């Protein structure tokens, strides 16, 4: 399984997030949105590092 922290903006944002977010960060696993939105990449990475639901290689 591949877990990534990605930036979303514009049409990449889920429609329900668009009223509140122009740009945000999210956690994606194997191409599926798993967590977010986060205001910064650092916030998303911290959440990922603390979460037990992800098997993570932060290398």
C-alpha atoms as a PDB file:
ATOM      1  CA  UNK A   1       0.000   0.000   0.000  1.00  0.00           C
ATOM      2  CA  UNK A   2       1.267   3.433  -0.926  1.00  0.00           C
ATOM      3  CA  UNK A   3       0.402   6.300   1.420  1.00  0.00           C
ATOM      4  CA  UNK A   4       1.067   9.893   0.381  1.00  0.00           C
ATOM      5  CA  UNK A   5       0.442  13.424   1.577  1.00  0.00           C
ATOM      6  CA  UNK A   6      -0.769  15.477  -1.377  1.00  0.00           C
ATOM      7  CA  UNK A   7      -1.844  19.036  -2.080  1.00  0.00           C
ATOM      8  CA  UNK A   8      -5.324  19.518  -3.525  1.00  0.00           C
ATOM      9  CA  UNK A   9      -6.602  22.661  -5.238  1.00  0.00           C
ATOM     10  CA  UNK A  10      -9.356  23.714  -7.598  1.00  0.00           C
ATOM     11  CA  UNK A  11     -11.075  20.789  -9.307  1.00  0.00           C
ATOM     12  CA  UNK A  12      -8.933  18.315  -7.344  1.00  0.00           C
ATOM     13  CA  UNK A  13     -10.826  19.214  -4.154  1.00  0.00           C
ATOM     14  CA  UNK A  14     -13.823  17.076  -3.231  1.00  0.00           C
ATOM     15  CA  UNK A  15     -16.922  19.145  -3.975  1.00  0.00           C
ATOM     16  CA  UNK A  16     -18.004  19.280  -0.321  1.00  0.00           C
ATOM     17  CA  UNK A  17     -14.667  20.893   0.642  1.00  0.00           C
ATOM     18  CA  UNK A  18     -14.749  23.619  -2.032  1.00  0.00           C
ATOM     19  CA  UNK A  19     -16.833  26.205  -0.138  1.00  0.00           C
ATOM     20  CA  UNK A  20     -14.280  26.289   2.699  1.00  0.00           C
ATOM     21  CA  UNK A  21     -10.981  25.439   0.980  1.00  0.00           C
ATOM     22  CA  UNK A  22      -9.151  26.803  -2.060  1.00  0.00           C
ATOM     23  CA  UNK A  23      -6.046  24.742  -1.318  1.00  0.00           C
ATOM     24  CA  UNK A  24      -5.538  22.010   1.261  1.00  0.00           C
ATOM     25  CA  UNK A  25      -3.510  18.910   2.009  1.00  0.00           C
ATOM     26  CA  UNK A  26      -4.832  15.371   2.311  1.00  0.00           C
ATOM     27  CA  UNK A  27      -3.679  11.823   3.002  1.00  0.00           C
ATOM     28  CA  UNK A  28      -4.168   9.392   0.125  1.00  0.00           C
ATOM     29  CA  UNK A  29      -3.700   5.623   0.236  1.00  0.00           C
ATOM     30  CA  UNK A  30      -3.430   3.757  -3.066  1.00  0.00           C
ATOM     31  CA  UNK A  31      -5.142   6.669  -4.822  1.00  0.00           C
ATOM     32  CA  UNK A  32      -8.079   6.858  -2.376  1.00  0.00           C
ATOM     33  CA  UNK A  33      -8.621   9.884  -0.150  1.00  0.00           C
ATOM     34  CA  UNK A  34      -8.235   8.718   3.449  1.00  0.00           C
ATOM     35  CA  UNK A  35      -7.981  11.873   5.588  1.00  0.00           C
ATOM     36  CA  UNK A  36      -8.143  15.628   5.354  1.00  0.00           C
ATOM     37  CA  UNK A  37      -8.487  18.446   4.750  1.00  0.00           C
ATOM     38  CA  UNK A  38      -5.404  19.872   6.444  1.00  0.00           C
ATOM     39  CA  UNK A  39      -4.292  23.498   6.328  1.00  0.00           C
ATOM     40  CA  UNK A  40      -0.629  22.622   5.784  1.00  0.00           C
ATOM     41  CA  UNK A  41       1.594  19.805   4.624  1.00  0.00           C
ATOM     42  CA  UNK A  42       3.164  19.734   8.085  1.00  0.00           C
ATOM     43  CA  UNK A  43      -0.235  19.215   9.730  1.00  0.00           C
ATOM     44  CA  UNK A  44      -1.067  16.360   7.342  1.00  0.00           C
ATOM     45  CA  UNK A  45       2.316  14.681   7.900  1.00  0.00           C
ATOM     46  CA  UNK A  46       1.954  14.986  11.682  1.00  0.00           C
ATOM     47  CA  UNK A  47      -1.478  13.369  11.508  1.00  0.00           C
ATOM     48  CA  UNK A  48      -0.102  10.614   9.308  1.00  0.00           C
ATOM     49  CA  UNK A  49       2.807   9.959  11.664  1.00  0.00           C
ATOM     50  CA  UNK A  50       0.465   9.728  14.678  1.00  0.00           C
ATOM     51  CA  UNK A  51      -2.157   7.544  13.021  1.00  0.00           C
ATOM     52  CA  UNK A  52      -2.204   3.803  13.528  1.00  0.00           C
ATOM     53  CA  UNK A  53      -4.499   3.222  10.529  1.00  0.00           C
ATOM     54  CA  UNK A  54      -1.664   3.823   8.060  1.00  0.00           C
ATOM     55  CA  UNK A  55       1.425   1.736   7.479  1.00  0.00           C
ATOM     56  CA  UNK A  56       3.847   4.520   6.699  1.00  0.00           C
ATOM     57  CA  UNK A  57       7.276   4.905   5.206  1.00  0.00           C
ATOM     58  CA  UNK A  58       8.118   8.566   5.805  1.00  0.00           C
ATOM     59  CA  UNK A  59      11.576   8.088   4.273  1.00  0.00           C
END
